N, C-alpha and C. Protein backbone atom coordinates (compact mmCIF):
# COMPACT_ATOMS: atom_id res chain seq x y z
N MET A 1 31.51 128.32 95.44
CA MET A 1 32.57 128.84 94.88
C MET A 1 33.25 127.92 93.70
N SER A 2 33.43 128.00 92.77
CA SER A 2 34.04 127.31 91.65
C SER A 2 35.65 126.90 91.69
N THR A 3 35.58 125.75 91.51
CA THR A 3 37.10 125.43 91.42
C THR A 3 37.96 125.68 90.18
N GLU A 4 37.12 125.97 89.43
CA GLU A 4 38.00 126.15 88.08
C GLU A 4 39.02 127.01 87.97
N THR A 5 38.89 128.25 88.70
CA THR A 5 39.86 129.30 88.70
C THR A 5 41.38 128.77 89.14
N PHE A 6 41.03 127.73 90.40
CA PHE A 6 42.31 127.12 91.27
C PHE A 6 43.02 126.10 90.23
N ASN A 7 42.07 125.62 89.54
CA ASN A 7 42.73 124.50 88.89
C ASN A 7 42.97 124.80 87.64
N ARG A 8 42.58 126.10 86.99
CA ARG A 8 43.36 126.55 85.99
C ARG A 8 45.06 127.24 86.10
N THR A 9 44.69 127.86 87.59
CA THR A 9 46.03 128.58 87.97
C THR A 9 47.21 127.30 88.23
N SER A 10 46.46 126.23 88.90
CA SER A 10 47.61 125.13 88.98
C SER A 10 48.35 124.54 87.96
N VAL A 11 47.33 124.44 86.74
CA VAL A 11 48.13 123.97 85.67
C VAL A 11 49.16 124.96 85.10
N ILE A 12 48.71 126.53 85.06
CA ILE A 12 49.65 127.44 84.51
C ILE A 12 50.95 127.50 85.55
N THR A 13 50.89 127.15 86.66
CA THR A 13 51.87 127.02 87.67
C THR A 13 53.04 126.03 87.32
N GLU A 14 52.32 124.51 87.07
CA GLU A 14 52.98 123.47 86.64
C GLU A 14 53.69 123.51 85.39
N ALA A 15 52.79 124.48 84.27
CA ALA A 15 53.61 124.40 83.32
C ALA A 15 54.61 125.57 83.30
N TYR A 16 54.52 126.60 83.85
CA TYR A 16 55.61 127.18 84.13
C TYR A 16 56.75 127.02 84.70
N THR A 17 56.59 126.11 85.88
CA THR A 17 57.73 125.46 86.59
C THR A 17 58.57 124.15 85.42
N GLN A 18 57.90 123.81 84.74
CA GLN A 18 58.75 122.80 83.88
C GLN A 18 59.32 123.68 82.78
N LYS A 19 59.03 124.69 82.47
CA LYS A 19 59.95 125.54 81.64
C LYS A 19 60.70 126.26 82.26
N ILE A 20 60.85 126.56 83.51
CA ILE A 20 62.09 127.06 84.23
C ILE A 20 63.06 125.69 84.51
N SER A 21 62.72 124.60 84.48
CA SER A 21 63.21 123.64 85.23
C SER A 21 63.88 123.28 83.30
N GLU A 22 63.45 123.52 82.17
CA GLU A 22 63.99 123.07 80.95
C GLU A 22 65.07 124.23 80.64
N LYS A 23 64.80 125.05 81.23
CA LYS A 23 65.73 126.31 81.19
C LYS A 23 67.37 125.91 81.83
N LYS A 24 66.77 125.58 82.79
CA LYS A 24 68.13 125.05 83.75
C LYS A 24 68.74 123.95 83.16
N ASP A 25 68.22 123.07 82.52
CA ASP A 25 69.14 121.80 81.90
C ASP A 25 69.77 122.37 80.64
N LEU A 26 69.28 123.71 80.14
CA LEU A 26 70.18 124.03 78.91
C LEU A 26 71.37 124.75 79.18
N SER A 27 71.50 125.10 80.45
CA SER A 27 72.91 125.75 80.68
C SER A 27 73.89 124.98 80.72
N PRO A 28 75.12 125.56 80.15
CA PRO A 28 76.38 125.03 79.84
C PRO A 28 76.70 124.18 81.29
N LYS A 29 77.41 123.12 80.81
CA LYS A 29 78.01 122.36 82.15
C LYS A 29 79.48 123.17 82.41
N LYS A 30 80.27 123.92 81.54
CA LYS A 30 81.53 124.28 81.83
C LYS A 30 81.29 125.91 81.87
N VAL A 31 82.30 126.39 82.40
CA VAL A 31 82.28 127.92 82.74
C VAL A 31 83.79 127.97 82.40
N ASN A 32 83.79 129.43 81.66
CA ASN A 32 85.08 129.94 81.26
C ASN A 32 85.71 130.78 82.18
N ILE A 33 86.87 130.47 82.74
CA ILE A 33 87.23 131.28 84.09
C ILE A 33 87.96 132.63 83.57
N ASP A 34 88.13 132.60 82.57
CA ASP A 34 88.87 133.85 82.02
C ASP A 34 87.79 135.03 82.40
N VAL A 35 86.53 134.58 81.48
CA VAL A 35 85.30 135.38 81.53
C VAL A 35 84.92 136.10 82.84
N LEU A 36 85.07 134.87 83.97
CA LEU A 36 84.76 135.35 85.33
C LEU A 36 85.53 136.21 86.01
N LYS A 37 87.23 136.09 85.68
CA LYS A 37 88.16 136.69 86.10
C LYS A 37 88.05 138.32 85.52
N LYS A 38 87.61 138.34 84.30
CA LYS A 38 87.26 139.56 83.73
C LYS A 38 86.31 140.41 84.44
N ARG A 39 85.32 139.59 84.77
CA ARG A 39 84.21 140.22 85.06
C ARG A 39 84.51 140.78 86.75
N VAL A 40 85.41 140.18 87.30
CA VAL A 40 85.88 140.41 88.97
C VAL A 40 86.88 141.64 88.46
N PHE A 41 87.58 141.65 87.53
CA PHE A 41 88.66 142.70 87.60
C PHE A 41 88.03 143.90 87.16
N GLU A 42 86.57 143.69 86.15
CA GLU A 42 85.98 145.13 85.79
C GLU A 42 85.35 145.56 86.93
N GLU A 43 84.74 144.76 87.66
CA GLU A 43 84.17 145.49 88.94
C GLU A 43 84.63 145.92 90.20
N LYS A 44 86.30 145.38 90.02
CA LYS A 44 87.19 145.76 90.84
C LYS A 44 87.74 147.38 90.35
N LYS A 45 87.90 147.44 89.43
CA LYS A 45 88.04 148.57 88.57
C LYS A 45 87.30 149.70 88.51
N ARG A 46 85.81 149.12 88.33
CA ARG A 46 84.81 150.36 88.80
C ARG A 46 84.91 150.87 90.26
N GLU A 47 84.82 149.97 91.27
CA GLU A 47 85.04 150.26 92.64
C GLU A 47 86.09 151.35 92.84
N ARG A 48 87.17 150.60 92.35
CA ARG A 48 88.38 151.54 92.38
C ARG A 48 88.13 153.10 92.10
N PHE A 49 87.72 153.55 90.58
CA PHE A 49 87.31 154.75 90.17
C PHE A 49 86.36 155.35 91.18
N GLN A 50 85.22 154.86 91.64
CA GLN A 50 84.37 155.35 92.39
C GLN A 50 84.96 155.72 93.76
N ASN A 51 85.57 154.93 94.48
CA ASN A 51 86.26 155.59 95.83
C ASN A 51 87.13 156.71 95.11
N ARG A 52 88.17 156.76 93.93
CA ARG A 52 88.75 157.80 93.88
C ARG A 52 87.59 159.26 93.62
N VAL A 53 86.84 158.61 92.74
CA VAL A 53 85.99 159.93 93.02
C VAL A 53 85.51 160.30 94.01
N LEU A 54 85.08 159.86 94.86
CA LEU A 54 84.35 160.22 96.18
C LEU A 54 85.56 160.90 97.17
N MET A 55 86.66 160.10 97.16
CA MET A 55 87.81 161.16 97.86
C MET A 55 87.92 162.18 97.41
N GLY A 56 87.73 162.36 95.66
CA GLY A 56 88.28 163.62 95.18
C GLY A 56 87.60 164.60 95.81
N MET A 57 86.22 164.04 95.77
CA MET A 57 84.96 165.16 95.70
C MET A 57 85.27 165.99 97.55
N PHE A 58 85.53 164.84 98.34
CA PHE A 58 85.63 165.03 99.66
C PHE A 58 86.72 166.19 99.86
N CYS A 59 88.25 165.74 99.07
CA CYS A 59 88.94 166.49 99.61
C CYS A 59 89.04 168.17 98.91
N LEU A 60 88.22 168.25 97.65
CA LEU A 60 87.62 169.43 96.87
C LEU A 60 86.67 170.19 97.63
N SER A 61 85.95 169.36 98.30
CA SER A 61 85.18 170.04 99.07
C SER A 61 85.75 170.82 100.31
N ILE A 62 86.44 169.87 101.24
CA ILE A 62 87.47 170.37 102.42
C ILE A 62 87.97 171.62 101.81
N ALA A 63 88.85 171.79 100.77
CA ALA A 63 89.59 173.02 100.16
C ALA A 63 88.90 174.06 100.03
N ILE A 64 87.68 173.94 99.38
CA ILE A 64 86.46 174.65 99.04
C ILE A 64 86.18 175.48 100.57
N LEU A 65 85.79 174.54 101.32
CA LEU A 65 85.16 175.23 102.90
C LEU A 65 86.34 176.06 103.34
N GLY A 66 87.52 175.49 103.58
CA GLY A 66 88.39 176.19 103.83
C GLY A 66 89.04 177.46 103.48
N TYR A 67 88.85 177.73 102.07
CA TYR A 67 88.90 179.09 101.55
C TYR A 67 87.89 179.75 101.53
N ILE A 68 86.76 179.37 101.65
CA ILE A 68 85.56 180.32 102.33
C ILE A 68 85.78 180.62 103.68
N VAL A 69 85.84 179.85 104.48
CA VAL A 69 86.22 179.93 105.98
C VAL A 69 87.45 181.51 106.18
N VAL A 70 88.21 181.02 105.40
CA VAL A 70 89.74 181.72 105.69
C VAL A 70 89.23 182.85 104.69
């Protein structure tokens, strides 16, 4: 068995690891708190909307079921 393939794979892996570490170094040191707050607000807003739709569908299905049974 030849070790050429293994050696080539390790070189590629090392190069990939170096690229990832370079990208991590380029990340900004400061974070804008307003952007994070906006993301949290939008996520909660979407959750509330989904919960309201789910509750509305549940109530509607109970009403339709009650109409059909009676």
